[in-house]
Amino acid sequence: MQEYIENGVRLGWLINRPQRSVYIYRPGAAVETLESPEILSSESLLPEFTLDLSKIW
């Protein structure tokens, strides 16, 4: 994911299904970890987009 950020990606989600966790990558910020989130939001990048994780877990 760090390589993507270094090449211009502004938001990255790494979803770990077995551990039910999501790692959120943003440029210039520490990696954020969420445990069993139901929904992910793309924040201001795509204001109307959300990902429903309840079907993935």
C-alpha atoms as a PDB file:
ATOM      1  CA  MET A   1       0.000   0.000   0.000  1.00  0.00           C
ATOM      2  CA  GLN A   2       2.856   2.367   0.719  1.00  0.00           C
ATOM      3  CA  GLU A   3       3.957   2.093  -2.914  1.00  0.00           C
ATOM      4  CA  TYR A   4       0.480   3.157  -4.062  1.00  0.00           C
ATOM      5  CA  ILE A   5       0.542   6.164  -1.730  1.00  0.00           C
ATOM      6  CA  GLU A   6       4.006   7.117  -2.991  1.00  0.00           C
ATOM      7  CA  ASN A   7       2.619   7.083  -6.542  1.00  0.00           C
ATOM      8  CA  GLY A   8      -0.275   9.439  -5.880  1.00  0.00           C
ATOM      9  CA  VAL A   9      -3.106   7.402  -4.398  1.00  0.00           C
ATOM     10  CA  ARG A  10      -4.923   9.534  -1.820  1.00  0.00           C
ATOM     11  CA  LEU A  11      -6.806   6.785   0.016  1.00  0.00           C
ATOM     12  CA  GLY A  12      -6.213   3.045   0.283  1.00  0.00           C
ATOM     13  CA  TRP A  13      -8.100   0.327   2.123  1.00  0.00           C
ATOM     14  CA  LEU A  14      -6.459  -2.966   2.935  1.00  0.00           C
ATOM     15  CA  ILE A  15      -9.179  -5.394   4.037  1.00  0.00           C
ATOM     16  CA  ASN A  16      -8.166  -8.422   6.100  1.00  0.00           C
ATOM     17  CA  ARG A  17     -11.176 -10.748   6.140  1.00  0.00           C
ATOM     18  CA  PRO A  18      -9.832 -13.423   8.549  1.00  0.00           C
ATOM     19  CA  GLN A  19      -9.069 -10.773  11.194  1.00  0.00           C
ATOM     20  CA  ARG A  20     -12.093  -8.610  10.307  1.00  0.00           C
ATOM     21  CA  SER A  21      -9.938  -5.517  10.180  1.00  0.00           C
ATOM     22  CA  VAL A  22      -9.356  -2.690   7.723  1.00  0.00           C
ATOM     23  CA  TYR A  23      -6.148  -0.694   7.400  1.00  0.00           C
ATOM     24  CA  ILE A  24      -6.631   2.796   6.004  1.00  0.00           C
ATOM     25  CA  TYR A  25      -3.732   4.462   4.214  1.00  0.00           C
ATOM     26  CA  ARG A  26      -3.518   8.197   3.477  1.00  0.00           C
ATOM     27  CA  PRO A  27      -0.548  10.293   2.340  1.00  0.00           C
ATOM     28  CA  GLY A  28       1.347  11.894   5.205  1.00  0.00           C
ATOM     29  CA  ALA A  29      -0.635  10.073   7.907  1.00  0.00           C
ATOM     30  CA  ALA A  30      -0.154   7.032  10.090  1.00  0.00           C
ATOM     31  CA  VAL A  31      -2.030   3.900   9.076  1.00  0.00           C
ATOM     32  CA  GLU A  32      -5.437   3.761  10.767  1.00  0.00           C
ATOM     33  CA  THR A  33      -6.855   0.384  11.823  1.00  0.00           C
ATOM     34  CA  LEU A  34     -10.567  -0.353  12.147  1.00  0.00           C
ATOM     35  CA  GLU A  35     -11.888  -3.545  13.757  1.00  0.00           C
ATOM     36  CA  SER A  36     -15.023  -5.077  12.194  1.00  0.00           C
ATOM     37  CA  PRO A  37     -16.415  -1.901  10.610  1.00  0.00           C
ATOM     38  CA  GLU A  38     -19.812  -2.306   8.988  1.00  0.00           C
ATOM     39  CA  ILE A  39     -19.346   0.501   6.440  1.00  0.00           C
ATOM     40  CA  LEU A  40     -16.374   2.304   4.918  1.00  0.00           C
ATOM     41  CA  SER A  41     -16.664   5.800   3.527  1.00  0.00           C
ATOM     42  CA  SER A  42     -14.409   7.259   0.865  1.00  0.00           C
ATOM     43  CA  GLU A  43     -14.558  10.563   2.731  1.00  0.00           C
ATOM     44  CA  SER A  44     -14.312  13.663   0.551  1.00  0.00           C
ATOM     45  CA  LEU A  45     -12.705  11.840  -2.394  1.00  0.00           C
ATOM     46  CA  LEU A  46     -15.972  10.236  -3.516  1.00  0.00           C
ATOM     47  CA  PRO A  47     -18.587  11.772  -1.197  1.00  0.00           C
ATOM     48  CA  GLU A  48     -21.445   9.475  -2.241  1.00  0.00           C
ATOM     49  CA  PHE A  49     -19.463   6.206  -2.127  1.00  0.00           C
ATOM     50  CA  THR A  50     -19.610   3.767   0.787  1.00  0.00           C
ATOM     51  CA  LEU A  51     -18.639   0.118   1.007  1.00  0.00           C
ATOM     52  CA  ASP A  52     -20.934  -2.176   3.007  1.00  0.00           C
ATOM     53  CA  LEU A  53     -18.639  -4.672   4.718  1.00  0.00           C
ATOM     54  CA  SER A  54     -21.403  -6.591   6.492  1.00  0.00           C
ATOM     55  CA  LYS A  55     -21.684  -8.812   3.402  1.00  0.00           C
ATOM     56  CA  ILE A  56     -17.919  -9.438   3.365  1.00  0.00           C
ATOM     57  CA  TRP A  57     -17.602 -10.425   7.001  1.00  0.00           C
END
